[in-house]
Structure formats: C-alpha cells, structure tokens
C-alpha cells in the first residue's frame, strides 16, 4: 500500500514508487536520487518531526515534511 514518505517511521525501509511534485520541486527531488525503484531508509526525525533524514544510494538526505509529502513509497517488510 502506497504511503507518503512522511508516514514511514524511523528505522523502516521503503521503495520509492513515485514523485508527485511537478516543476522545479519535482525535478530537484528526482535529481537528488528520489526516483521510482530507489530503496530508502528513514534514519530519524527532528524533535518536532520535521525534517526527516533518509539514507539512499550511499548518502544521507534531509527533507522537510512538505517535500516528503510528494514522495510516495511502499514499505519494505523485514
């Protein structure tokens, strides 16, 4: 079941299914490696739950929740 990246808990893994943002935001997210099929892991969240830190393709990326809402993922079951 697809969820936005914001809904995935710390420590969980997921596969990106789509990036729904258009224009400059969508292009920037895809350029950072958030393309369909990419596996990500949620490393953690700031104390107020924003931003979220994720690990993908051997680097760490931090996104605001309003950016994470544009990224749809399927959770990887352990």
N, C-alpha and C. Protein backbone atom coordinates (compact mmCIF):
# COMPACT_ATOMS: atom_id res chain seq x y z
N UNK A 1 0.84 -1.18 0.00
CA UNK A 1 0.00 0.00 0.00
C UNK A 1 0.88 1.25 0.00
N UNK A 2 0.61 2.16 -0.90
CA UNK A 2 1.39 3.38 -1.00
C UNK A 2 1.10 4.34 0.15
N UNK A 3 2.17 4.95 0.63
CA UNK A 3 2.07 5.97 1.68
C UNK A 3 3.01 7.09 1.29
N UNK A 4 2.81 8.26 1.88
CA UNK A 4 3.79 9.32 1.67
C UNK A 4 4.98 9.04 2.57
N UNK A 5 6.11 9.56 2.21
CA UNK A 5 7.33 9.37 2.98
C UNK A 5 7.16 9.86 4.41
N UNK A 6 6.34 10.87 4.61
CA UNK A 6 6.11 11.41 5.96
C UNK A 6 5.52 10.34 6.89
N UNK A 7 4.79 9.38 6.37
CA UNK A 7 4.09 8.38 7.18
C UNK A 7 4.96 7.18 7.56
N UNK A 8 6.18 7.12 7.11
CA UNK A 8 7.06 5.99 7.41
C UNK A 8 7.85 6.30 8.68
N UNK A 9 7.91 5.35 9.57
CA UNK A 9 8.55 5.55 10.88
C UNK A 9 10.07 5.42 10.79
N UNK A 10 10.74 5.99 11.77
CA UNK A 10 12.20 5.90 11.86
C UNK A 10 12.64 4.44 11.92
N UNK A 11 13.71 4.13 11.19
CA UNK A 11 14.25 2.78 11.16
C UNK A 11 13.65 1.89 10.10
N UNK A 12 12.56 2.30 9.48
CA UNK A 12 11.92 1.48 8.45
C UNK A 12 12.51 1.75 7.08
N UNK A 13 12.37 0.75 6.21
CA UNK A 13 12.83 0.86 4.83
C UNK A 13 11.62 0.92 3.91
N UNK A 14 11.81 1.56 2.76
CA UNK A 14 10.74 1.68 1.78
C UNK A 14 11.33 1.80 0.39
N UNK A 15 10.50 1.56 -0.61
CA UNK A 15 10.87 1.71 -2.01
C UNK A 15 10.04 2.86 -2.58
N UNK A 16 10.71 3.80 -3.24
CA UNK A 16 10.01 4.92 -3.86
C UNK A 16 9.19 4.40 -5.04
N UNK A 17 7.90 4.74 -5.07
CA UNK A 17 7.05 4.33 -6.19
C UNK A 17 6.80 5.49 -7.15
N UNK A 18 6.72 6.72 -6.62
CA UNK A 18 6.56 7.87 -7.50
C UNK A 18 6.86 9.17 -6.75
N UNK A 19 7.16 10.19 -7.54
CA UNK A 19 7.34 11.55 -7.03
C UNK A 19 6.25 12.38 -7.70
N UNK A 20 5.31 12.88 -6.91
CA UNK A 20 4.14 13.55 -7.46
C UNK A 20 4.33 15.05 -7.67
N UNK A 21 5.43 15.60 -7.20
CA UNK A 21 5.69 17.03 -7.38
C UNK A 21 5.99 17.32 -8.84
N UNK A 22 5.56 18.48 -9.27
CA UNK A 22 5.83 18.92 -10.64
C UNK A 22 6.76 20.11 -10.61
N UNK A 23 7.24 20.50 -11.77
CA UNK A 23 8.06 21.69 -11.90
C UNK A 23 9.42 21.54 -11.24
N UNK A 24 9.92 22.65 -10.71
CA UNK A 24 11.26 22.68 -10.12
C UNK A 24 11.41 21.76 -8.93
N UNK A 25 10.37 21.66 -8.09
CA UNK A 25 10.44 20.80 -6.90
C UNK A 25 10.57 19.34 -7.32
N UNK A 26 9.75 18.90 -8.24
CA UNK A 26 9.81 17.52 -8.71
C UNK A 26 11.14 17.20 -9.35
N UNK A 27 11.64 18.11 -10.18
CA UNK A 27 12.93 17.90 -10.82
C UNK A 27 14.05 17.81 -9.79
N UNK A 28 14.02 18.69 -8.79
CA UNK A 28 15.06 18.69 -7.76
C UNK A 28 15.03 17.39 -6.95
N UNK A 29 13.84 16.91 -6.59
CA UNK A 29 13.74 15.65 -5.84
C UNK A 29 14.30 14.48 -6.65
N UNK A 30 13.98 14.44 -7.93
CA UNK A 30 14.50 13.35 -8.78
C UNK A 30 16.01 13.46 -8.97
N UNK A 31 16.52 14.68 -9.09
CA UNK A 31 17.97 14.88 -9.22
C UNK A 31 18.72 14.43 -7.97
N UNK A 32 18.05 14.49 -6.81
CA UNK A 32 18.68 14.05 -5.56
C UNK A 32 18.62 12.54 -5.40
N UNK A 33 18.05 11.84 -6.39
CA UNK A 33 18.05 10.38 -6.36
C UNK A 33 16.73 9.75 -5.96
N UNK A 34 15.71 10.55 -5.74
CA UNK A 34 14.42 10.01 -5.33
C UNK A 34 13.58 9.68 -6.57
N UNK A 35 13.96 8.60 -7.22
CA UNK A 35 13.25 8.14 -8.41
C UNK A 35 12.60 6.78 -8.11
N UNK A 36 11.56 6.42 -8.87
CA UNK A 36 10.90 5.14 -8.64
C UNK A 36 11.89 3.98 -8.64
N UNK A 37 11.72 3.07 -7.67
CA UNK A 37 12.57 1.90 -7.54
C UNK A 37 13.72 2.08 -6.55
N UNK A 38 13.95 3.30 -6.09
CA UNK A 38 15.04 3.56 -5.15
C UNK A 38 14.65 3.11 -3.74
N UNK A 39 15.52 2.35 -3.10
CA UNK A 39 15.28 1.93 -1.72
C UNK A 39 15.82 3.00 -0.78
N UNK A 40 15.03 3.34 0.23
CA UNK A 40 15.43 4.33 1.22
C UNK A 40 15.24 3.77 2.62
N UNK A 41 15.94 4.35 3.57
CA UNK A 41 15.76 4.00 4.98
C UNK A 41 15.59 5.31 5.75
N UNK A 42 14.61 5.33 6.63
CA UNK A 42 14.38 6.51 7.47
C UNK A 42 15.36 6.44 8.63
N UNK A 43 16.27 7.41 8.69
CA UNK A 43 17.26 7.43 9.76
C UNK A 43 16.72 8.08 11.03
N UNK A 44 15.92 9.10 10.88
CA UNK A 44 15.38 9.76 12.06
C UNK A 44 14.66 11.04 11.71
N UNK A 45 14.08 11.63 12.74
CA UNK A 45 13.34 12.88 12.59
C UNK A 45 13.77 13.84 13.68
N UNK A 46 13.67 15.11 13.39
CA UNK A 46 13.97 16.14 14.37
C UNK A 46 12.93 16.06 15.50
N UNK A 47 13.21 16.67 16.65
CA UNK A 47 12.28 16.58 17.79
C UNK A 47 10.84 17.00 17.47
N UNK A 48 10.62 17.94 16.59
CA UNK A 48 9.26 18.34 16.23
C UNK A 48 8.76 17.62 14.99
N UNK A 49 9.41 16.50 14.62
CA UNK A 49 9.05 15.62 13.49
C UNK A 49 9.34 16.23 12.13
N UNK A 50 10.01 17.36 12.07
CA UNK A 50 10.34 17.99 10.79
C UNK A 50 11.70 18.63 10.93
N UNK A 51 12.69 18.30 10.15
CA UNK A 51 12.69 17.49 8.93
C UNK A 51 12.91 16.01 9.20
N UNK A 52 12.93 15.25 8.11
CA UNK A 52 13.19 13.82 8.17
C UNK A 52 14.52 13.54 7.47
N UNK A 53 15.31 12.65 8.05
CA UNK A 53 16.60 12.27 7.49
C UNK A 53 16.49 10.87 6.91
N UNK A 54 16.89 10.72 5.65
CA UNK A 54 16.80 9.42 4.98
C UNK A 54 18.16 9.03 4.40
N UNK A 55 18.33 7.74 4.21
CA UNK A 55 19.56 7.20 3.62
C UNK A 55 19.18 6.55 2.29
N UNK A 56 19.88 6.93 1.22
CA UNK A 56 19.67 6.32 -0.08
C UNK A 56 20.96 6.42 -0.88
N UNK A 57 21.21 5.42 -1.70
CA UNK A 57 22.36 5.40 -2.62
C UNK A 57 23.65 5.86 -1.95
N UNK A 58 23.93 5.36 -0.76
CA UNK A 58 25.18 5.65 -0.03
C UNK A 58 25.35 7.10 0.39
N UNK A 59 24.27 7.83 0.57
CA UNK A 59 24.38 9.17 1.16
C UNK A 59 23.13 9.47 1.98
N UNK A 60 23.24 10.48 2.82
CA UNK A 60 22.13 10.89 3.69
C UNK A 60 21.53 12.18 3.15
N UNK A 61 20.21 12.22 3.15
CA UNK A 61 19.46 13.36 2.63
C UNK A 61 18.44 13.78 3.69
N UNK A 62 18.29 15.08 3.88
CA UNK A 62 17.31 15.60 4.82
C UNK A 62 16.26 16.37 4.04
N UNK A 63 14.98 16.05 4.29
CA UNK A 63 13.86 16.69 3.60
C UNK A 63 12.88 17.27 4.60
N UNK A 64 12.26 18.36 4.24
CA UNK A 64 11.15 18.89 5.02
C UNK A 64 9.93 18.01 4.78
N UNK A 65 9.00 18.02 5.73
CA UNK A 65 7.80 17.20 5.57
C UNK A 65 6.97 17.61 4.36
N UNK A 66 6.93 18.91 4.04
CA UNK A 66 6.15 19.32 2.87
C UNK A 66 6.77 18.78 1.58
N UNK A 67 8.07 18.51 1.56
CA UNK A 67 8.71 17.85 0.42
C UNK A 67 8.47 16.35 0.47
N UNK A 68 8.51 15.77 1.66
CA UNK A 68 8.30 14.32 1.83
C UNK A 68 6.89 13.91 1.40
N UNK A 69 5.94 14.82 1.50
CA UNK A 69 4.56 14.51 1.09
C UNK A 69 4.45 14.20 -0.40
N UNK A 70 5.37 14.69 -1.22
CA UNK A 70 5.35 14.46 -2.66
C UNK A 70 5.94 13.11 -3.05
N UNK A 71 6.54 12.40 -2.09
CA UNK A 71 7.22 11.14 -2.39
C UNK A 71 6.36 9.98 -1.88
N UNK A 72 5.89 9.17 -2.80
CA UNK A 72 5.06 8.01 -2.43
C UNK A 72 5.95 6.78 -2.40
N UNK A 73 5.76 5.94 -1.37
CA UNK A 73 6.60 4.77 -1.17
C UNK A 73 5.77 3.56 -0.77
N UNK A 74 6.35 2.40 -0.94
CA UNK A 74 5.82 1.15 -0.39
C UNK A 74 6.80 0.69 0.68
N UNK A 75 6.30 0.41 1.85
CA UNK A 75 7.15 -0.05 2.95
C UNK A 75 7.71 -1.43 2.63
N UNK A 76 8.98 -1.65 3.00
CA UNK A 76 9.63 -2.95 2.85
C UNK A 76 9.48 -3.68 4.17
N UNK A 77 8.85 -4.84 4.12
CA UNK A 77 8.65 -5.63 5.34
C UNK A 77 9.94 -6.40 5.63
N UNK A 78 10.30 -6.41 6.89
CA UNK A 78 11.55 -7.07 7.31
C UNK A 78 11.42 -8.57 7.32
